[in-house]
Protein backbone atom coordinates (compact mmCIF):
# COMPACT_ATOMS: atom_id res chain seq x y z
CA UNK A 1 -0.01 0.04 0.01
CA UNK A 2 1.58 3.31 -0.71
CA UNK A 3 2.49 5.84 1.52
CA UNK A 4 0.76 9.18 1.51
CA UNK A 5 2.12 12.29 3.03
CA UNK A 6 -0.17 13.79 5.58
CA UNK A 7 -2.31 16.94 4.35
CA UNK A 8 0.64 20.23 5.14
CA UNK A 9 -1.41 23.20 7.65
CA UNK A 10 -2.58 25.99 5.81
CA UNK A 11 0.39 28.44 6.76
CA UNK A 12 -1.18 31.00 9.54
CA UNK A 13 -1.87 34.99 8.88
CA UNK A 14 1.26 35.42 10.56
CA UNK A 15 3.54 33.50 8.50
CA UNK A 16 1.41 34.83 5.08
CA UNK A 17 1.89 38.18 6.31
CA UNK A 18 6.05 37.58 7.00
CA UNK A 19 6.43 35.74 3.23
CA UNK A 20 4.66 38.95 2.40
CA UNK A 21 7.39 40.53 4.03
CA UNK A 22 10.08 38.97 3.10
CA UNK A 23 9.06 39.97 -0.65
CA UNK A 24 9.82 43.65 0.09
CA UNK A 25 13.57 42.94 0.45
CA UNK A 26 15.58 43.71 -2.49
CA UNK A 27 16.57 40.32 -4.64
CA UNK A 28 20.54 42.05 -4.69
CA UNK A 29 22.40 42.87 -1.67
CA UNK A 30 23.24 46.81 -1.91
CA UNK A 31 20.09 47.39 -4.04
CA UNK A 32 18.00 50.20 -2.44
CA UNK A 33 14.51 49.73 -0.57
CA UNK A 34 12.91 53.00 -2.60
CA UNK A 35 9.73 53.47 -1.88
CA UNK A 36 9.11 49.67 -0.23
CA UNK A 37 11.13 50.82 3.04
CA UNK A 38 8.35 52.46 4.30
CA UNK A 39 6.45 49.39 4.06
CA UNK A 40 9.36 46.94 5.07
CA UNK A 41 9.64 48.94 9.04
CA UNK A 42 5.56 49.17 9.12
CA UNK A 43 5.09 45.71 8.00
CA UNK A 44 7.64 44.70 10.37
CA UNK A 45 6.56 46.13 13.01
CA UNK A 46 2.74 43.92 13.07
CA UNK A 47 5.26 41.01 12.91
CA UNK A 48 7.18 41.68 15.44
CA UNK A 49 3.46 42.39 17.91
CA UNK A 50 2.38 39.24 16.56
CA UNK A 51 2.91 35.52 17.67
CA UNK A 52 6.35 34.55 19.25
CA UNK A 53 7.81 32.86 15.87
CA UNK A 54 6.74 35.65 14.26
CA UNK A 55 8.35 37.74 15.94
CA UNK A 56 11.96 35.71 15.91
CA UNK A 57 12.05 35.55 12.40
CA UNK A 58 11.46 38.91 11.63
CA UNK A 59 14.04 40.54 14.05
CA UNK A 60 16.63 37.68 13.00
CA UNK A 61 16.24 38.89 9.12
CA UNK A 62 16.51 42.85 10.14
CA UNK A 63 19.72 41.95 11.95
CA UNK A 64 21.08 40.29 8.82
CA UNK A 65 22.81 42.58 5.43
CA UNK A 66 19.62 42.87 3.90
CA UNK A 67 17.90 44.09 6.97
CA UNK A 68 21.06 46.35 8.08
CA UNK A 69 21.12 47.70 4.54
CA UNK A 70 17.20 49.14 5.39
CA UNK A 71 18.28 51.33 8.15
CA UNK A 72 21.94 52.44 6.51
CA UNK A 73 19.28 53.43 3.20
CA UNK A 74 16.53 55.02 6.24
CA UNK A 75 19.07 57.24 7.54
CA UNK A 76 21.82 57.80 4.77
CA UNK A 77 19.24 58.67 2.46
CA UNK A 78 15.86 59.33 3.28
CA UNK A 79 16.91 61.34 6.92
CA UNK A 80 19.29 63.45 4.83
CA UNK A 81 15.95 64.27 2.19
CA UNK A 82 13.93 65.90 4.72
CA UNK A 83 14.50 69.39 5.00
CA UNK A 84 11.23 70.55 6.74
CA UNK A 85 9.79 70.06 10.01
CA UNK A 86 6.63 67.80 8.10
CA UNK A 87 8.92 65.67 6.44
CA UNK A 88 10.28 65.22 9.54
CA UNK A 89 7.05 64.35 11.48
CA UNK A 90 6.49 62.19 8.38
CA UNK A 91 9.18 60.18 8.13
CA UNK A 92 9.66 59.53 11.76
CA UNK A 93 5.72 58.52 11.86
CA UNK A 94 6.10 56.14 8.09
CA UNK A 95 9.97 53.78 9.20
CA UNK A 96 11.69 55.33 12.30
CA UNK A 97 9.07 54.68 14.46
CA UNK A 98 7.96 51.56 13.10
CA UNK A 99 12.14 50.35 13.48
CA UNK A 100 12.63 51.75 17.52
CA UNK A 101 9.08 49.99 18.20
CA UNK A 102 9.81 46.86 17.24
CA UNK A 103 13.60 47.20 18.80
CA UNK A 104 11.60 48.25 22.28
CA UNK A 105 8.92 45.67 22.42
CA UNK A 106 9.24 43.69 25.65
CA UNK A 107 9.64 40.47 24.13
CA UNK A 108 12.74 41.84 22.48
CA UNK A 109 14.36 43.13 24.85
CA UNK A 110 13.70 40.60 27.15
CA UNK A 111 14.89 37.56 24.91
CA UNK A 112 18.58 36.15 25.67
CA UNK A 113 17.95 33.69 22.26
CA UNK A 114 17.13 37.42 20.38
CA UNK A 115 20.48 39.32 22.32
CA UNK A 116 22.71 39.14 19.39
CA UNK A 117 21.17 39.72 16.70
CA UNK A 118 19.88 42.87 18.19
CA UNK A 119 22.91 43.74 19.15
CA UNK A 120 23.56 44.01 15.53
CA UNK A 121 20.61 45.84 14.78
CA UNK A 122 21.56 48.03 17.51
CA UNK A 123 25.42 48.71 16.03
CA UNK A 124 23.75 49.16 12.69
CA UNK A 125 22.90 52.21 13.68
CA UNK A 126 26.34 53.64 14.70
CA UNK A 127 28.22 53.40 10.89
CA UNK A 128 32.04 54.28 10.66
CA UNK A 129 32.93 56.25 13.54
CA UNK A 130 29.40 56.40 15.19
CA UNK A 131 28.59 59.07 11.71
CA UNK A 132 25.88 57.10 11.07
CA UNK A 133 24.38 57.65 14.78
CA UNK A 134 25.19 61.33 14.70
CA UNK A 135 22.54 61.65 11.23
CA UNK A 136 20.02 59.71 13.06
CA UNK A 137 20.09 61.88 16.08
CA UNK A 138 20.59 65.38 14.36
CA UNK A 139 17.01 64.17 12.48
CA UNK A 140 15.41 63.74 15.91
CA UNK A 141 16.81 66.81 18.00
CA UNK A 142 15.46 69.21 15.09
CA UNK A 143 11.88 67.13 14.92
CA UNK A 144 12.02 67.36 18.91
CA UNK A 145 12.00 70.81 19.30
CA UNK A 146 9.81 71.77 16.37
CA UNK A 147 7.15 68.91 17.96
CA UNK A 148 3.69 69.38 17.34
CA UNK A 149 1.49 70.76 20.37
CA UNK A 150 -1.20 68.18 21.45
CA UNK A 151 -4.19 67.57 19.50
CA UNK A 152 -2.23 68.56 15.58
CA UNK A 153 -0.42 64.76 15.92
CA UNK A 154 -1.53 61.17 16.61
CA UNK A 155 2.16 60.37 17.88
CA UNK A 156 1.68 61.26 21.17
CA UNK A 157 2.94 63.82 23.93
CA UNK A 158 6.90 65.37 23.63
CA UNK A 159 7.52 63.08 26.43
CA UNK A 160 6.53 60.12 24.90
CA UNK A 161 8.86 60.69 21.82
CA UNK A 162 11.89 61.66 23.68
CA UNK A 163 11.44 58.18 25.81
CA UNK A 164 11.74 56.28 23.27
CA UNK A 165 15.02 57.90 21.18
CA UNK A 166 16.67 57.92 24.83
CA UNK A 167 15.60 53.89 25.31
CA UNK A 168 17.10 53.55 21.68
CA UNK A 169 20.09 55.62 22.34
CA UNK A 170 21.11 54.04 25.70
CA UNK A 171 20.88 50.45 24.19
CA UNK A 172 23.14 51.86 21.26
CA UNK A 173 25.30 52.70 23.92
CA UNK A 174 25.09 49.25 25.88
CA UNK A 175 25.95 47.27 22.58
CA UNK A 176 28.55 50.27 22.01
CA UNK A 177 30.70 51.76 25.04
CA UNK A 178 33.66 53.16 22.68
CA UNK A 179 31.50 55.07 20.65
CA UNK A 180 31.21 57.50 23.61
CA UNK A 181 34.57 58.21 23.06
CA UNK A 182 34.43 59.98 19.91
CA UNK A 183 33.13 62.91 18.83
CA UNK A 184 29.79 62.70 17.62
CA UNK A 185 27.75 60.61 20.99
CA UNK A 186 28.98 63.04 23.98
CA UNK A 187 27.05 65.81 22.52
CA UNK A 188 24.17 63.78 21.37
CA UNK A 189 24.47 62.61 25.17
CA UNK A 190 23.74 66.59 26.42
CA UNK A 191 21.17 67.80 23.18
CA UNK A 192 19.18 65.05 24.64
CA UNK A 193 19.41 65.72 28.10
CA UNK A 194 18.60 69.67 27.64
CA UNK A 195 15.46 68.30 25.94
CA UNK A 196 14.25 66.24 28.36
CA UNK A 197 15.33 68.58 31.19
CA UNK A 198 13.56 71.64 29.16
CA UNK A 199 9.70 69.89 29.28
CA UNK A 200 6.54 71.52 30.10
CA UNK A 201 5.15 70.35 33.49
CA UNK A 202 2.05 69.11 32.06
CA UNK A 203 4.71 66.12 30.05
CA UNK A 204 6.27 65.86 33.38
CA UNK A 205 4.66 62.02 33.78
CA UNK A 206 5.78 58.40 33.29
CA UNK A 207 7.63 59.04 29.84
CA UNK A 208 9.80 61.70 31.67
CA UNK A 209 10.74 59.50 34.51
CA UNK A 210 11.47 57.24 31.92
CA UNK A 211 13.66 59.69 29.35
CA UNK A 212 15.76 61.24 32.44
CA UNK A 213 16.26 57.65 33.84
CA UNK A 214 17.65 56.80 30.87
CA UNK A 215 19.65 59.94 30.32
CA UNK A 216 21.12 58.90 33.64
CA UNK A 217 22.21 55.71 32.49
CA UNK A 218 24.23 57.01 29.44
CA UNK A 219 25.85 59.69 31.68
CA UNK A 220 27.11 56.76 33.85
CA UNK A 221 28.60 54.65 30.87
CA UNK A 222 30.09 58.04 29.71
CA UNK A 223 31.97 58.28 33.12
CA UNK A 224 33.07 54.11 33.63
CA UNK A 225 34.09 55.17 29.72
CA UNK A 226 36.26 58.12 30.52
CA UNK A 227 37.73 56.48 33.70
CA UNK A 228 39.29 53.62 32.31
CA UNK A 229 40.50 55.89 29.33
CA UNK A 230 40.36 54.62 25.93
CA UNK A 231 40.53 50.56 26.81
CA UNK A 232 38.11 48.45 25.19
CA UNK A 233 36.51 47.22 27.60
CA UNK A 234 33.47 48.48 30.26
CA UNK A 235 31.19 45.97 32.52
CA UNK A 236 27.59 45.85 31.22
CA UNK A 237 24.93 47.75 33.53
CA UNK A 238 21.63 46.45 32.72
CA UNK A 239 19.64 49.57 31.37
CA UNK A 240 15.89 50.07 32.73
CA UNK A 241 14.01 50.09 29.83
CA UNK A 242 9.88 50.20 31.28
CA UNK A 243 8.62 46.58 30.87
CA UNK A 244 6.18 47.93 28.71
CA UNK A 245 7.12 50.47 25.54
CA UNK A 246 5.19 54.09 25.67
CA UNK A 247 3.31 52.92 21.78
CA UNK A 248 1.40 50.01 24.13
CA UNK A 249 0.91 52.90 26.79
CA UNK A 250 -1.33 55.53 24.46
């Protein structure tokens, strides 16, 4: 009697979404994403917020050569094209925030399996001599200084924005403390400390407290790096990231 293979289970909705997301990735390693970049980050965020298998596969793909190239294209091309506050806000909503949301998803930040992959992604934020980090946080600094007042944006208050930016910065520094030795990162820390301190009384909420903790953590790392005077090894400390992301609290 001939042996028959059991029927394969139908792919889940999340699996189908993942396959569709992978098709957004260019065929050649350094081919640009172009107009697909917005959808790449937005669909990636949806996958990370779905089931655990989809989350892990998405983060692993983002840590690949193709995935890290999307970050490079975002920072070195799309951000450079933004010349107005509205253009910066649009890019924040369509690309940068979805990327940040993926990396601050609690199941990502707590995962032991994904630690190496997440570290690779955060290192992609740096670039040579931390130049990419400088471009990214210059963009975010401009955006913070022209943040729309409440009611004119659906993206939350300025304090939530600063919490997310400082959380990502803290994780980048945690993955590569030597970035603090150059000329790029310390001024970024100083500018964002001033932005957090300048928040009005209406913005002195949980996000403000978390952003302040992030800045304090980075300042401690900076002091540690200065003490070892350029040595390549700095003892890691855990960064105090909230158990729920800013997006989940809205």
